[in-house]
């Protein structure tokens, strides 16, 4: 019998395909709020807190192996 994994919390608001752009903009010196504005330009509507959590490797992004 297959067991299902229990998922808790809200889903990630930043899609995986946008992760590279978030880190690229951070490397260019953009802050979290400016990154949010840039993401809105490509149709990703998120918050400063979500961008900060991605950059810091916090939930729901903590399982990514390439966080610094």
C-alpha atoms as a PDB file:
ATOM      1  CA  UNK A   1       0.000   0.000   0.000  1.00  0.00           C
ATOM      2  CA  UNK A   2       1.300   3.438  -0.942  1.00  0.00           C
ATOM      3  CA  UNK A   3       1.493   6.060   1.791  1.00  0.00           C
ATOM      4  CA  UNK A   4       0.850   9.702   1.090  1.00  0.00           C
ATOM      5  CA  UNK A   5       2.991  12.453   2.493  1.00  0.00           C
ATOM      6  CA  UNK A   6       1.193  14.902   4.764  1.00  0.00           C
ATOM      7  CA  UNK A   7       1.558  18.433   3.448  1.00  0.00           C
ATOM      8  CA  UNK A   8       1.251  21.299   5.894  1.00  0.00           C
ATOM      9  CA  UNK A   9       1.116  25.034   5.365  1.00  0.00           C
ATOM     10  CA  UNK A  10       0.501  27.083   2.280  1.00  0.00           C
ATOM     11  CA  UNK A  11       2.021  26.185  -1.082  1.00  0.00           C
ATOM     12  CA  UNK A  12       5.009  28.161  -2.315  1.00  0.00           C
ATOM     13  CA  UNK A  13       3.939  31.380  -4.040  1.00  0.00           C
ATOM     14  CA  UNK A  14       7.071  31.557  -6.198  1.00  0.00           C
ATOM     15  CA  UNK A  15       7.127  28.922  -8.945  1.00  0.00           C
ATOM     16  CA  UNK A  16      10.310  26.906  -9.503  1.00  0.00           C
ATOM     17  CA  UNK A  17      10.868  28.428 -12.933  1.00  0.00           C
ATOM     18  CA  UNK A  18      11.274  31.874 -11.290  1.00  0.00           C
ATOM     19  CA  UNK A  19      13.885  30.829  -8.697  1.00  0.00           C
ATOM     20  CA  UNK A  20      16.805  31.530 -11.025  1.00  0.00           C
ATOM     21  CA  UNK A  21      15.518  35.037 -11.708  1.00  0.00           C
ATOM     22  CA  UNK A  22      15.162  35.759  -7.981  1.00  0.00           C
ATOM     23  CA  UNK A  23      18.772  34.724  -7.300  1.00  0.00           C
ATOM     24  CA  UNK A  24      20.040  36.556 -10.399  1.00  0.00           C
ATOM     25  CA  UNK A  25      18.398  39.792  -9.255  1.00  0.00           C
ATOM     26  CA  UNK A  26      19.749  39.325  -5.725  1.00  0.00           C
ATOM     27  CA  UNK A  27      23.251  38.914  -7.186  1.00  0.00           C
ATOM     28  CA  UNK A  28      22.737  42.207  -9.061  1.00  0.00           C
ATOM     29  CA  UNK A  29      22.068  43.899  -5.717  1.00  0.00           C
ATOM     30  CA  UNK A  30      18.274  44.080  -5.842  1.00  0.00           C
ATOM     31  CA  UNK A  31      16.419  44.059  -2.533  1.00  0.00           C
ATOM     32  CA  UNK A  32      13.396  41.902  -1.798  1.00  0.00           C
ATOM     33  CA  UNK A  33      10.847  44.614  -2.608  1.00  0.00           C
ATOM     34  CA  UNK A  34      12.491  45.412  -5.935  1.00  0.00           C
ATOM     35  CA  UNK A  35      12.595  41.689  -6.788  1.00  0.00           C
ATOM     36  CA  UNK A  36       8.845  41.486  -6.055  1.00  0.00           C
ATOM     37  CA  UNK A  37       8.249  44.302  -8.551  1.00  0.00           C
ATOM     38  CA  UNK A  38      10.330  42.555 -11.199  1.00  0.00           C
ATOM     39  CA  UNK A  39       8.474  39.286 -10.671  1.00  0.00           C
ATOM     40  CA  UNK A  40       5.140  41.061 -11.102  1.00  0.00           C
ATOM     41  CA  UNK A  41       6.373  42.103 -14.540  1.00  0.00           C
ATOM     42  CA  UNK A  42       6.523  38.435 -15.570  1.00  0.00           C
ATOM     43  CA  UNK A  43       3.223  37.481 -13.942  1.00  0.00           C
ATOM     44  CA  UNK A  44       4.382  36.176 -10.550  1.00  0.00           C
ATOM     45  CA  UNK A  45       2.477  37.903  -7.765  1.00  0.00           C
ATOM     46  CA  UNK A  46       4.175  37.285  -4.439  1.00  0.00           C
ATOM     47  CA  UNK A  47       5.249  39.128  -1.293  1.00  0.00           C
ATOM     48  CA  UNK A  48       8.492  40.492   0.085  1.00  0.00           C
ATOM     49  CA  UNK A  49       8.320  37.860   2.812  1.00  0.00           C
ATOM     50  CA  UNK A  50       8.134  35.020   0.278  1.00  0.00           C
ATOM     51  CA  UNK A  51      11.147  36.355  -1.609  1.00  0.00           C
ATOM     52  CA  UNK A  52      13.039  36.704   1.663  1.00  0.00           C
ATOM     53  CA  UNK A  53      12.175  33.124   2.684  1.00  0.00           C
ATOM     54  CA  UNK A  54      13.380  31.801  -0.683  1.00  0.00           C
ATOM     55  CA  UNK A  55      16.668  33.692  -0.414  1.00  0.00           C
ATOM     56  CA  UNK A  56      17.177  32.483   3.174  1.00  0.00           C
ATOM     57  CA  UNK A  57      16.141  28.891   2.465  1.00  0.00           C
ATOM     58  CA  UNK A  58      13.213  28.947   4.890  1.00  0.00           C
ATOM     59  CA  UNK A  59       9.882  27.107   4.604  1.00  0.00           C
ATOM     60  CA  UNK A  60       8.458  26.254   2.122  1.00  0.00           C
ATOM     61  CA  UNK A  61      11.790  26.510   0.282  1.00  0.00           C
ATOM     62  CA  UNK A  62      14.041  24.768   2.855  1.00  0.00           C
ATOM     63  CA  UNK A  63      14.315  21.479   0.976  1.00  0.00           C
ATOM     64  CA  UNK A  64      16.195  22.978  -1.952  1.00  0.00           C
ATOM     65  CA  UNK A  65      19.786  21.755  -2.099  1.00  0.00           C
ATOM     66  CA  UNK A  66      21.243  24.818  -3.832  1.00  0.00           C
ATOM     67  CA  UNK A  67      20.410  27.445  -1.186  1.00  0.00           C
ATOM     68  CA  UNK A  68      23.328  29.479   0.083  1.00  0.00           C
END
